[in-house]
Amino acid sequence: MNALISSFAAGAVAVLALSGAAEAGAFSAASAIQSVGEGDYVVRRIDTVEAVDEYKADAIRRSAAANADAVQQAVRANPTLVNGLAGQNVQVDNIVEADETANGKVIFYLR
């Protein structure tokens, strides 16, 4: 019985740690989006990612279902970014996910 309780407790701690990391990642990306400047981002279509890495494309689609509104809201809060994207014929409503790269750039994924 003690082993079962210990296993349950360990599992609960792991779940809380993962959810905290996910929230921290989402917050970090939103901050990066709001401060991104001209030339500090890349735009990719999910189908082009899928041609190279199907698993990555599936992961983007899954997270996009939960994150698209927040990503679009963060983009709209940065007028410089909105203007830059418009210059590339990118509509904010088509952005469904974003990742911050190690060098501080942001990758925007389009549906």
PDB file of N, CA and C in Angstrom:
ATOM      1  N   MET A   1       0.820  -1.193   0.000  1.00  0.00           N
ATOM      2  CA  MET A   1       0.000   0.000   0.000  1.00  0.00           C
ATOM      3  C   MET A   1       0.864   1.256   0.000  1.00  0.00           C
ATOM      4  N   ASN A   2       1.943   1.242   0.812  1.00  0.00           N
ATOM      5  CA  ASN A   2       2.834   2.396   0.837  1.00  0.00           C
ATOM      6  C   ASN A   2       3.501   2.611  -0.514  1.00  0.00           C
ATOM      7  N   ALA A   3       3.833   1.516  -1.191  1.00  0.00           N
ATOM      8  CA  ALA A   3       4.453   1.634  -2.511  1.00  0.00           C
ATOM      9  C   ALA A   3       3.476   2.271  -3.502  1.00  0.00           C
ATOM     10  N   LEU A   4       2.206   1.914  -3.407  1.00  0.00           N
ATOM     11  CA  LEU A   4       1.189   2.487  -4.283  1.00  0.00           C
ATOM     12  C   LEU A   4       1.038   3.982  -4.021  1.00  0.00           C
ATOM     13  N   ILE A   5       1.007   4.372  -2.774  1.00  0.00           N
ATOM     14  CA  ILE A   5       0.884   5.786  -2.420  1.00  0.00           C
ATOM     15  C   ILE A   5       2.118   6.548  -2.882  1.00  0.00           C
ATOM     16  N   SER A   6       3.290   5.973  -2.698  1.00  0.00           N
ATOM     17  CA  SER A   6       4.529   6.623  -3.140  1.00  0.00           C
ATOM     18  C   SER A   6       4.539   6.803  -4.651  1.00  0.00           C
ATOM     19  N   SER A   7       4.090   5.783  -5.388  1.00  0.00           N
ATOM     20  CA  SER A   7       4.034   5.878  -6.844  1.00  0.00           C
ATOM     21  C   SER A   7       3.064   6.957  -7.283  1.00  0.00           C
ATOM     22  N   PHE A   8       1.918   7.022  -6.634  1.00  0.00           N
ATOM     23  CA  PHE A   8       0.920   8.032  -6.954  1.00  0.00           C
ATOM     24  C   PHE A   8       1.470   9.432  -6.685  1.00  0.00           C
ATOM     25  N   ALA A   9       2.120   9.605  -5.554  1.00  0.00           N
ATOM     26  CA  ALA A   9       2.684  10.907  -5.195  1.00  0.00           C
ATOM     27  C   ALA A   9       3.760  11.327  -6.193  1.00  0.00           C
ATOM     28  N   ALA A  10       4.611  10.397  -6.582  1.00  0.00           N
ATOM     29  CA  ALA A  10       5.663  10.702  -7.553  1.00  0.00           C
ATOM     30  C   ALA A  10       5.046  11.108  -8.893  1.00  0.00           C
ATOM     31  N   GLY A  11       4.004  10.407  -9.292  1.00  0.00           N
ATOM     32  CA  GLY A  11       3.319  10.739 -10.542  1.00  0.00           C
ATOM     33  C   GLY A  11       2.683  12.113 -10.485  1.00  0.00           C
ATOM     34  N   ALA A  12       2.071  12.441  -9.362  1.00  0.00           N
ATOM     35  CA  ALA A  12       1.438  13.752  -9.205  1.00  0.00           C
ATOM     36  C   ALA A  12       2.474  14.866  -9.275  1.00  0.00           C
ATOM     37  N   VAL A  13       3.611  14.667  -8.644  1.00  0.00           N
ATOM     38  CA  VAL A  13       4.676  15.671  -8.682  1.00  0.00           C
ATOM     39  C   VAL A  13       5.173  15.855 -10.117  1.00  0.00           C
ATOM     40  N   ALA A  14       5.328  14.765 -10.851  1.00  0.00           N
ATOM     41  CA  ALA A  14       5.793  14.846 -12.237  1.00  0.00           C
ATOM     42  C   ALA A  14       4.797  15.613 -13.104  1.00  0.00           C
ATOM     43  N   VAL A  15       3.515  15.348 -12.918  1.00  0.00           N
ATOM     44  CA  VAL A  15       2.488  16.051 -13.689  1.00  0.00           C
ATOM     45  C   VAL A  15       2.521  17.537 -13.375  1.00  0.00           C
ATOM     46  N   LEU A  16       2.629  17.898 -12.112  1.00  0.00           N
ATOM     47  CA  LEU A  16       2.685  19.309 -11.742  1.00  0.00           C
ATOM     48  C   LEU A  16       3.924  19.974 -12.317  1.00  0.00           C
ATOM     49  N   ALA A  17       5.033  19.297 -12.304  1.00  0.00           N
ATOM     50  CA  ALA A  17       6.266  19.860 -12.852  1.00  0.00           C
ATOM     51  C   ALA A  17       6.134  20.102 -14.353  1.00  0.00           C
ATOM     52  N   LEU A  18       5.549  19.150 -15.071  1.00  0.00           N
ATOM     53  CA  LEU A  18       5.378  19.300 -16.509  1.00  0.00           C
ATOM     54  C   LEU A  18       4.413  20.419 -16.842  1.00  0.00           C
ATOM     55  N   SER A  19       3.319  20.533 -16.106  1.00  0.00           N
ATOM     56  CA  SER A  19       2.362  21.591 -16.396  1.00  0.00           C
ATOM     57  C   SER A  19       2.965  22.946 -16.090  1.00  0.00           C
ATOM     58  N   GLY A  20       3.771  23.034 -15.059  1.00  0.00           N
ATOM     59  CA  GLY A  20       4.455  24.286 -14.751  1.00  0.00           C
ATOM     60  C   GLY A  20       5.432  24.662 -15.839  1.00  0.00           C
ATOM     61  N   ALA A  21       6.147  23.707 -16.379  1.00  0.00           N
ATOM     62  CA  ALA A  21       7.091  23.973 -17.461  1.00  0.00           C
ATOM     63  C   ALA A  21       6.363  24.424 -18.718  1.00  0.00           C
ATOM     64  N   ALA A  22       5.212  23.818 -18.999  1.00  0.00           N
ATOM     65  CA  ALA A  22       4.444  24.216 -20.168  1.00  0.00           C
ATOM     66  C   ALA A  22       3.956  25.649 -20.028  1.00  0.00           C
ATOM     67  N   GLU A  23       3.478  26.011 -18.837  1.00  0.00           N
ATOM     68  CA  GLU A  23       3.030  27.377 -18.612  1.00  0.00           C
ATOM     69  C   GLU A  23       4.189  28.349 -18.740  1.00  0.00           C
ATOM     70  N   ALA A  24       5.334  28.005 -18.211  1.00  0.00           N
ATOM     71  CA  ALA A  24       6.500  28.876 -18.304  1.00  0.00           C
ATOM     72  C   ALA A  24       6.907  29.052 -19.758  1.00  0.00           C
ATOM     73  N   GLY A  25       6.845  27.975 -20.556  1.00  0.00           N
ATOM     74  CA  GLY A  25       7.189  28.064 -21.965  1.00  0.00           C
ATOM     75  C   GLY A  25       6.234  28.968 -22.720  1.00  0.00           C
ATOM     76  N   ALA A  26       4.950  28.856 -22.454  1.00  0.00           N
ATOM     77  CA  ALA A  26       3.959  29.697 -23.113  1.00  0.00           C
ATOM     78  C   ALA A  26       4.181  31.161 -22.744  1.00  0.00           C
ATOM     79  N   PHE A  27       4.473  31.436 -21.486  1.00  0.00           N
ATOM     80  CA  PHE A  27       4.719  32.804 -21.054  1.00  0.00           C
ATOM     81  C   PHE A  27       5.956  33.361 -21.732  1.00  0.00           C
ATOM     82  N   SER A  28       7.001  32.564 -21.821  1.00  0.00           N
ATOM     83  CA  SER A  28       8.251  32.982 -22.449  1.00  0.00           C
ATOM     84  C   SER A  28       8.016  33.313 -23.919  1.00  0.00           C
ATOM     85  N   ALA A  29       7.271  32.492 -24.622  1.00  0.00           N
ATOM     86  CA  ALA A  29       6.999  32.742 -26.037  1.00  0.00           C
ATOM     87  C   ALA A  29       6.193  34.017 -26.209  1.00  0.00           C
ATOM     88  N   ALA A  30       5.208  34.251 -25.352  1.00  0.00           N
ATOM     89  CA  ALA A  30       4.407  35.471 -25.435  1.00  0.00           C
ATOM     90  C   ALA A  30       5.287  36.697 -25.234  1.00  0.00           C
ATOM     91  N   SER A  31       6.198  36.644 -24.295  1.00  0.00           N
ATOM     92  CA  SER A  31       7.118  37.759 -24.061  1.00  0.00           C
ATOM     93  C   SER A  31       7.991  37.991 -25.280  1.00  0.00           C
ATOM     94  N   ALA A  32       8.491  36.920 -25.860  1.00  0.00           N
ATOM     95  CA  ALA A  32       9.341  37.032 -27.043  1.00  0.00           C
ATOM     96  C   ALA A  32       8.563  37.631 -28.210  1.00  0.00           C
ATOM     97  N   ILE A  33       7.326  37.215 -28.386  1.00  0.00           N
ATOM     98  CA  ILE A  33       6.498  37.718 -29.478  1.00  0.00           C
ATOM     99  C   ILE A  33       6.252  39.209 -29.315  1.00  0.00           C
ATOM    100  N   GLN A  34       5.954  39.619 -28.105  1.00  0.00           N
ATOM    101  CA  GLN A  34       5.639  41.028 -27.882  1.00  0.00           C
ATOM    102  C   GLN A  34       6.845  41.934 -28.057  1.00  0.00           C
ATOM    103  N   SER A  35       8.047  41.379 -27.942  1.00  0.00           N
ATOM    104  CA  SER A  35       9.241  42.212 -28.077  1.00  0.00           C
ATOM    105  C   SER A  35      10.024  41.940 -29.362  1.00  0.00           C
ATOM    106  N   VAL A  36       9.535  41.048 -30.219  1.00  0.00           N
ATOM    107  CA  VAL A  36      10.269  40.709 -31.446  1.00  0.00           C
ATOM    108  C   VAL A  36      10.301  41.918 -32.374  1.00  0.00           C
ATOM    109  N   GLY A  37      11.449  42.125 -32.983  1.00  0.00           N
ATOM    110  CA  GLY A  37      11.617  43.238 -33.911  1.00  0.00           C
ATOM    111  C   GLY A  37      11.724  42.744 -35.339  1.00  0.00           C
ATOM    112  N   GLU A  38      11.927  43.692 -36.244  1.00  0.00           N
ATOM    113  CA  GLU A  38      12.061  43.380 -37.656  1.00  0.00           C
ATOM    114  C   GLU A  38      13.251  42.447 -37.870  1.00  0.00           C
ATOM    115  N   GLY A  39      13.055  41.365 -38.573  1.00  0.00           N
ATOM    116  CA  GLY A  39      14.136  40.430 -38.862  1.00  0.00           C
ATOM    117  C   GLY A  39      14.417  39.429 -37.761  1.00  0.00           C
ATOM    118  N   ASP A  40      13.679  39.501 -36.655  1.00  0.00           N
ATOM    119  CA  ASP A  40      13.890  38.575 -35.536  1.00  0.00           C
ATOM    120  C   ASP A  40      12.921  37.399 -35.558  1.00  0.00           C
ATOM    121  N   TYR A  41      12.323  37.154 -36.716  1.00  0.00           N
ATOM    122  CA  TYR A  41      11.358  36.058 -36.797  1.00  0.00           C
ATOM    123  C   TYR A  41      11.408  35.397 -38.164  1.00  0.00           C
ATOM    124  N   VAL A  42      10.859  34.185 -38.193  1.00  0.00           N
ATOM    125  CA  VAL A  42      10.751  33.387 -39.417  1.00  0.00           C
ATOM    126  C   VAL A  42       9.316  32.889 -39.478  1.00  0.00           C
ATOM    127  N   VAL A  43       8.780  32.802 -40.676  1.00  0.00           N
ATOM    128  CA  VAL A  43       7.422  32.304 -40.872  1.00  0.00           C
ATOM    129  C   VAL A  43       7.494  30.985 -41.630  1.00  0.00           C
ATOM    130  N   ARG A  44       6.811  29.966 -41.104  1.00  0.00           N
ATOM    131  CA  ARG A  44       6.785  28.645 -41.768  1.00  0.00           C
ATOM    132  C   ARG A  44       5.354  28.122 -41.801  1.00  0.00           C
ATOM    133  N   ARG A  45       5.025  27.485 -42.890  1.00  0.00           N
ATOM    134  CA  ARG A  45       3.737  26.793 -42.991  1.00  0.00           C
ATOM    135  C   ARG A  45       3.893  25.410 -42.383  1.00  0.00           C
ATOM    136  N   ILE A  46       2.861  24.952 -41.697  1.00  0.00           N
ATOM    137  CA  ILE A  46       2.931  23.641 -41.049  1.00  0.00           C
ATOM    138  C   ILE A  46       3.151  22.531 -42.082  1.00  0.00           C
ATOM    139  N   ASP A  47       2.559  22.674 -43.258  1.00  0.00           N
ATOM    140  CA  ASP A  47       2.739  21.609 -44.257  1.00  0.00           C
ATOM    141  C   ASP A  47       4.184  21.516 -44.744  1.00  0.00           C
ATOM    142  N   THR A  48       4.951  22.601 -44.716  1.00  0.00           N
ATOM    143  CA  THR A  48       6.363  22.506 -45.087  1.00  0.00           C
ATOM    144  C   THR A  48       7.175  21.831 -43.981  1.00  0.00           C
ATOM    145  N   VAL A  49       6.761  22.021 -42.744  1.00  0.00           N
ATOM    146  CA  VAL A  49       7.404  21.321 -41.626  1.00  0.00           C
ATOM    147  C   VAL A  49       7.113  19.834 -41.752  1.00  0.00           C
ATOM    148  N   GLU A  50       5.876  19.509 -42.100  1.00  0.00           N
ATOM    149  CA  GLU A  50       5.464  18.108 -42.217  1.00  0.00           C
ATOM    150  C   GLU A  50       6.282  17.365 -43.268  1.00  0.00           C
ATOM    151  N   ALA A  51       6.674  18.054 -44.329  1.00  0.00           N
ATOM    152  CA  ALA A  51       7.461  17.410 -45.376  1.00  0.00           C
ATOM    153  C   ALA A  51       8.829  16.959 -44.854  1.00  0.00           C
ATOM    154  N   VAL A  52       9.318  17.630 -43.811  1.00  0.00           N
ATOM    155  CA  VAL A  52      10.622  17.305 -43.237  1.00  0.00           C
ATOM    156  C   VAL A  52      10.498  16.449 -41.986  1.00  0.00           C
ATOM    157  N   ASP A  53       9.516  16.784 -41.139  1.00  0.00           N
ATOM    158  CA  ASP A  53       9.375  16.115 -39.837  1.00  0.00           C
ATOM    159  C   ASP A  53       7.896  16.011 -39.476  1.00  0.00           C
ATOM    160  N   GLU A  54       7.317  14.862 -39.783  1.00  0.00           N
ATOM    161  CA  GLU A  54       5.883  14.648 -39.554  1.00  0.00           C
ATOM    162  C   GLU A  54       5.517  14.739 -38.071  1.00  0.00           C
ATOM    163  N   TYR A  55       6.401  14.246 -37.195  1.00  0.00           N
ATOM    164  CA  TYR A  55       6.129  14.281 -35.752  1.00  0.00           C
ATOM    165  C   TYR A  55       6.108  15.710 -35.229  1.00  0.00           C
ATOM    166  N   LYS A  56       7.018  16.548 -35.712  1.00  0.00           N
ATOM    167  CA  LYS A  56       7.055  17.954 -35.312  1.00  0.00           C
ATOM    168  C   LYS A  56       5.783  18.650 -35.776  1.00  0.00           C
ATOM    169  N   ALA A  57       5.356  18.384 -37.004  1.00  0.00           N
ATOM    170  CA  ALA A  57       4.139  18.991 -37.542  1.00  0.00           C
ATOM    171  C   ALA A  57       2.919  18.581 -36.715  1.00  0.00           C
ATOM    172  N   ASP A  58       2.849  17.313 -36.326  1.00  0.00           N
ATOM    173  CA  ASP A  58       1.736  16.857 -35.486  1.00  0.00           C
ATOM    174  C   ASP A  58       1.755  17.537 -34.128  1.00  0.00           C
ATOM    175  N   ALA A  59       2.937  17.702 -33.556  1.00  0.00           N
ATOM    176  CA  ALA A  59       3.057  18.381 -32.261  1.00  0.00           C
ATOM    177  C   ALA A  59       2.624  19.839 -32.369  1.00  0.00           C
ATOM    178  N   ILE A  60       2.978  20.490 -33.462  1.00  0.00           N
ATOM    179  CA  ILE A  60       2.567  21.881 -33.676  1.00  0.00           C
ATOM    180  C   ILE A  60       1.052  21.959 -33.781  1.00  0.00           C
ATOM    181  N   ARG A  61       0.456  21.053 -34.533  1.00  0.00           N
ATOM    182  CA  ARG A  61      -1.007  21.062 -34.684  1.00  0.00           C
ATOM    183  C   ARG A  61      -1.724  20.845 -33.345  1.00  0.00           C
ATOM    184  N   ARG A  62      -1.189  19.914 -32.543  1.00  0.00           N
ATOM    185  CA  ARG A  62      -1.810  19.658 -31.234  1.00  0.00           C
ATOM    186  C   ARG A  62      -1.720  20.884 -30.340  1.00  0.00           C
ATOM    187  N   SER A  63      -0.575  21.508 -30.270  1.00  0.00           N
ATOM    188  CA  SER A  63      -0.431  22.669 -29.395  1.00  0.00           C
ATOM    189  C   SER A  63      -1.152  23.882 -29.962  1.00  0.00           C
ATOM    190  N   ALA A  64      -1.275  23.954 -31.284  1.00  0.00           N
ATOM    191  CA  ALA A  64      -1.969  25.071 -31.913  1.00  0.00           C
ATOM    192  C   ALA A  64      -3.429  25.129 -31.501  1.00  0.00           C
ATOM    193  N   ALA A  65      -4.035  23.981 -31.304  1.00  0.00           N
ATOM    194  CA  ALA A  65      -5.443  23.943 -30.896  1.00  0.00           C
ATOM    195  C   ALA A  65      -5.656  24.701 -29.587  1.00  0.00           C
ATOM    196  N   ALA A  66      -4.677  24.646 -28.707  1.00  0.00           N
ATOM    197  CA  ALA A  66      -4.799  25.315 -27.413  1.00  0.00           C
ATOM    198  C   ALA A  66      -4.184  26.714 -27.403  1.00  0.00           C
ATOM    199  N   ASN A  67      -3.212  26.974 -28.281  1.00  0.00           N
ATOM    200  CA  ASN A  67      -2.423  28.198 -28.177  1.00  0.00           C
ATOM    201  C   ASN A  67      -2.686  29.258 -29.233  1.00  0.00           C
ATOM    202  N   ALA A  68      -3.410  28.944 -30.288  1.00  0.00           N
ATOM    203  CA  ALA A  68      -3.548  29.881 -31.416  1.00  0.00           C
ATOM    204  C   ALA A  68      -4.062  31.248 -30.976  1.00  0.00           C
ATOM    205  N   ASP A  69      -5.089  31.288 -30.159  1.00  0.00           N
ATOM    206  CA  ASP A  69      -5.649  32.584 -29.732  1.00  0.00           C
ATOM    207  C   ASP A  69      -4.629  33.409 -28.962  1.00  0.00           C
ATOM    208  N   ALA A  70      -3.905  32.786 -28.055  1.00  0.00           N
ATOM    209  CA  ALA A  70      -2.912  33.505 -27.259  1.00  0.00           C
ATOM    210  C   ALA A  70      -1.767  34.011 -28.130  1.00  0.00           C
ATOM    211  N   VAL A  71      -1.336  33.199 -29.081  1.00  0.00           N
ATOM    212  CA  VAL A  71      -0.248  33.609 -29.982  1.00  0.00           C
ATOM    213  C   VAL A  71      -0.709  34.783 -30.827  1.00  0.00           C
ATOM    214  N   GLN A  72      -1.908  34.703 -31.387  1.00  0.00           N
ATOM    215  CA  GLN A  72      -2.429  35.787 -32.214  1.00  0.00           C
ATOM    216  C   GLN A  72      -2.590  37.069 -31.405  1.00  0.00           C
ATOM    217  N   GLN A  73      -3.028  36.952 -30.180  1.00  0.00           N
ATOM    218  CA  GLN A  73      -3.182  38.120 -29.310  1.00  0.00           C
ATOM    219  C   GLN A  73      -1.824  38.769 -29.030  1.00  0.00           C
ATOM    220  N   ALA A  74      -0.805  37.948 -28.771  1.00  0.00           N
ATOM    221  CA  ALA A  74       0.538  38.474 -28.527  1.00  0.00           C
ATOM    222  C   ALA A  74       1.085  39.158 -29.775  1.00  0.00           C
ATOM    223  N   VAL A  75       0.817  38.595 -30.949  1.00  0.00           N
ATOM    224  CA  VAL A  75       1.270  39.213 -32.203  1.00  0.00           C
ATOM    225  C   VAL A  75       0.590  40.570 -32.381  1.00  0.00           C
ATOM    226  N   ARG A  76      -0.705  40.613 -32.162  1.00  0.00           N
ATOM    227  CA  ARG A  76      -1.447  41.875 -32.342  1.00  0.00           C
ATOM    228  C   ARG A  76      -0.980  42.966 -31.377  1.00  0.00           C
ATOM    229  N   ALA A  77      -0.392  42.577 -30.263  1.00  0.00           N
ATOM    230  CA  ALA A  77       0.099  43.551 -29.282  1.00  0.00           C
ATOM    231  C   ALA A  77       1.420  44.189 -29.722  1.00  0.00           C
ATOM    232  N   ASN A  78       1.995  43.720 -30.837  1.00  0.00           N
ATOM    233  CA  ASN A  78       3.265  44.242 -31.338  1.00  0.00           C
ATOM    234  C   ASN A  78       3.038  44.840 -32.735  1.00  0.00           C
ATOM    235  N   PRO A  79       2.760  46.152 -32.817  1.00  0.00           N
ATOM    236  CA  PRO A  79       2.453  46.772 -34.115  1.00  0.00           C
ATOM    237  C   PRO A  79       3.576  46.649 -35.145  1.00  0.00           C
ATOM    238  N   THR A  80       4.831  46.688 -34.706  1.00  0.00           N
ATOM    239  CA  THR A  80       5.954  46.529 -35.626  1.00  0.00           C
ATOM    240  C   THR A  80       5.909  45.156 -36.277  1.00  0.00           C
ATOM    241  N   LEU A  81       5.612  44.150 -35.475  1.00  0.00           N
ATOM    242  CA  LEU A  81       5.512  42.786 -35.985  1.00  0.00           C
ATOM    243  C   LEU A  81       4.338  42.653 -36.946  1.00  0.00           C
ATOM    244  N   VAL A  82       3.197  43.204 -36.587  1.00  0.00           N
ATOM    245  CA  VAL A  82       2.015  43.132 -37.450  1.00  0.00           C
ATOM    246  C   VAL A  82       2.327  43.748 -38.818  1.00  0.00           C
ATOM    247  N   ASN A  83       2.993  44.907 -38.828  1.00  0.00           N
ATOM    248  CA  ASN A  83       3.352  45.558 -40.093  1.00  0.00           C
ATOM    249  C   ASN A  83       4.333  44.711 -40.894  1.00  0.00           C
ATOM    250  N   GLY A  84       5.321  44.133 -40.234  1.00  0.00           N
ATOM    251  CA  GLY A  84       6.288  43.279 -40.917  1.00  0.00           C
ATOM    252  C   GLY A  84       5.640  42.048 -41.525  1.00  0.00           C
ATOM    253  N   LEU A  85       4.739  41.448 -40.771  1.00  0.00           N
ATOM    254  CA  LEU A  85       4.031  40.268 -41.280  1.00  0.00           C
ATOM    255  C   LEU A  85       3.133  40.635 -42.457  1.00  0.00           C
ATOM    256  N   ALA A  86       2.460  41.773 -42.359  1.00  0.00           N
ATOM    257  CA  ALA A  86       1.595  42.222 -43.450  1.00  0.00           C
ATOM    258  C   ALA A  86       2.421  42.442 -44.717  1.00  0.00           C
ATOM    259  N   GLY A  87       3.655  42.924 -44.555  1.00  0.00           N
ATOM    260  CA  GLY A  87       4.549  43.109 -45.700  1.00  0.00           C
ATOM    261  C   GLY A  87       4.927  41.794 -46.370  1.00  0.00           C
ATOM    262  N   GLN A  88       4.790  40.700 -45.631  1.00  0.00           N
ATOM    263  CA  GLN A  88       5.052  39.367 -46.183  1.00  0.00           C
ATOM    264  C   GLN A  88       3.757  38.650 -46.555  1.00  0.00           C
ATOM    265  N   ASN A  89       2.654  39.398 -46.575  1.00  0.00           N
ATOM    266  CA  ASN A  89       1.324  38.856 -46.879  1.00  0.00           C
ATOM    267  C   ASN A  89       0.899  37.778 -45.899  1.00  0.00           C
ATOM    268  N   VAL A  90       1.269  37.934 -44.637  1.00  0.00           N
ATOM    269  CA  VAL A  90       0.877  36.992 -43.592  1.00  0.00           C
ATOM    270  C   VAL A  90      -0.254  37.617 -42.790  1.00  0.00           C
ATOM    271  N   GLN A  91      -1.375  36.926 -42.725  1.00  0.00           N
ATOM    272  CA  GLN A  91      -2.503  37.373 -41.908  1.00  0.00           C
ATOM    273  C   GLN A  91      -2.358  36.789 -40.511  1.00  0.00           C
ATOM    274  N   VAL A  92      -2.530  37.631 -39.514  1.00  0.00           N
ATOM    275  CA  VAL A  92      -2.375  37.197 -38.127  1.00  0.00           C
ATOM    276  C   VAL A  92      -3.294  36.024 -37.808  1.00  0.00           C
ATOM    277  N   ASP A  93      -4.486  36.001 -38.385  1.00  0.00           N
ATOM    278  CA  ASP A  93      -5.429  34.908 -38.115  1.00  0.00           C
ATOM    279  C   ASP A  93      -4.924  33.551 -38.597  1.00  0.00           C
ATOM    280  N   ASN A  94      -3.928  33.526 -39.471  1.00  0.00           N
ATOM    281  CA  ASN A  94      -3.379  32.262 -39.964  1.00  0.00           C
ATOM    282  C   ASN A  94      -2.225  31.749 -39.116  1.00  0.00           C
ATOM    283  N   ILE A  95      -1.761  32.564 -38.159  1.00  0.00           N
ATOM    284  CA  ILE A  95      -0.691  32.127 -37.263  1.00  0.00           C
ATOM    285  C   ILE A  95      -1.327  31.272 -36.175  1.00  0.00           C
ATOM    286  N   VAL A  96      -0.830  30.045 -36.011  1.00  0.00           N
ATOM    287  CA  VAL A  96      -1.448  29.142 -35.039  1.00  0.00           C
ATOM    288  C   VAL A  96      -0.514  28.721 -33.913  1.00  0.00           C
ATOM    289  N   GLU A  97       0.794  28.958 -34.079  1.00  0.00           N
ATOM    290  CA  GLU A  97       1.746  28.570 -33.041  1.00  0.00           C
ATOM    291  C   GLU A  97       3.022  29.365 -33.222  1.00  0.00           C
ATOM    292  N   ALA A  98       3.812  29.433 -32.163  1.00  0.00           N
ATOM    293  CA  ALA A  98       5.101  30.119 -32.218  1.00  0.00           C
ATOM    294  C   ALA A  98       6.081  29.397 -31.312  1.00  0.00           C
ATOM    295  N   ASP A  99       7.341  29.394 -31.724  1.00  0.00           N
ATOM    296  CA  ASP A  99       8.426  28.828 -30.920  1.00  0.00           C
ATOM    297  C   ASP A  99       9.531  29.858 -30.833  1.00  0.00           C
ATOM    298  N   GLU A 100      10.147  29.960 -29.671  1.00  0.00           N
ATOM    299  CA  GLU A 100      11.319  30.806 -29.527  1.00  0.00           C
ATOM    300  C   GLU A 100      12.550  29.936 -29.726  1.00  0.00           C
ATOM    301  N   THR A 101      13.478  30.385 -30.574  1.00  0.00           N
ATOM    302  CA  THR A 101      14.682  29.614 -30.838  1.00  0.00           C
ATOM    303  C   THR A 101      15.755  29.960 -29.818  1.00  0.00           C
ATOM    304  N   ALA A 102      16.819  29.189 -29.821  1.00  0.00           N
ATOM    305  CA  ALA A 102      17.913  29.396 -28.876  1.00  0.00           C
ATOM    306  C   ALA A 102      18.587  30.748 -29.062  1.00  0.00           C
ATOM    307  N   ASN A 103      18.569  31.279 -30.285  1.00  0.00           N
ATOM    308  CA  ASN A 103      19.219  32.568 -30.530  1.00  0.00           C
ATOM    309  C   ASN A 103      18.272  33.754 -30.357  1.00  0.00           C
ATOM    310  N   GLY A 104      17.074  33.505 -29.803  1.00  0.00           N
ATOM    311  CA  GLY A 104      16.141  34.581 -29.494  1.00  0.00           C
ATOM    312  C   GLY A 104      15.167  34.936 -30.597  1.00  0.00           C
ATOM    313  N   LYS A 105      15.277  34.281 -31.744  1.00  0.00           N
ATOM    314  CA  LYS A 105      14.314  34.528 -32.811  1.00  0.00           C
ATOM    315  C   LYS A 105      13.031  33.757 -32.528  1.00  0.00           C
ATOM    316  N   VAL A 106      11.983  34.114 -33.233  1.00  0.00           N
ATOM    317  CA  VAL A 106      10.697  33.446 -33.074  1.00  0.00           C
ATOM    318  C   VAL A 106      10.300  32.839 -34.417  1.00  0.00           C
ATOM    319  N   ILE A 107       9.817  31.613 -34.375  1.00  0.00           N
ATOM    320  CA  ILE A 107       9.287  30.945 -35.563  1.00  0.00           C
ATOM    321  C   ILE A 107       7.775  30.960 -35.436  1.00  0.00           C
ATOM    322  N   PHE A 108       7.110  31.541 -36.417  1.00  0.00           N
ATOM    323  CA  PHE A 108       5.652  31.542 -36.464  1.00  0.00           C
ATOM    324  C   PHE A 108       5.201  30.473 -37.438  1.00  0.00           C
ATOM    325  N   TYR A 109       4.265  29.639 -36.985  1.00  0.00           N
ATOM    326  CA  TYR A 109       3.738  28.564 -37.825  1.00  0.00           C
ATOM    327  C   TYR A 109       2.348  28.956 -38.324  1.00  0.00           C
ATOM    328  N   LEU A 110       2.156  28.798 -39.620  1.00  0.00           N
ATOM    329  CA  LEU A 110       0.891  29.146 -40.264  1.00  0.00           C
ATOM    330  C   LEU A 110       0.110  27.889 -40.618  1.00  0.00           C
ATOM    331  N   ARG A 111      -1.206  27.991 -40.503  1.00  0.00           N
ATOM    332  CA  ARG A 111      -2.033  26.857 -40.933  1.00  0.00           C
ATOM    333  C   ARG A 111      -2.017  26.711 -42.416  1.00  0.00           C
TER     334      ARG A 111
END
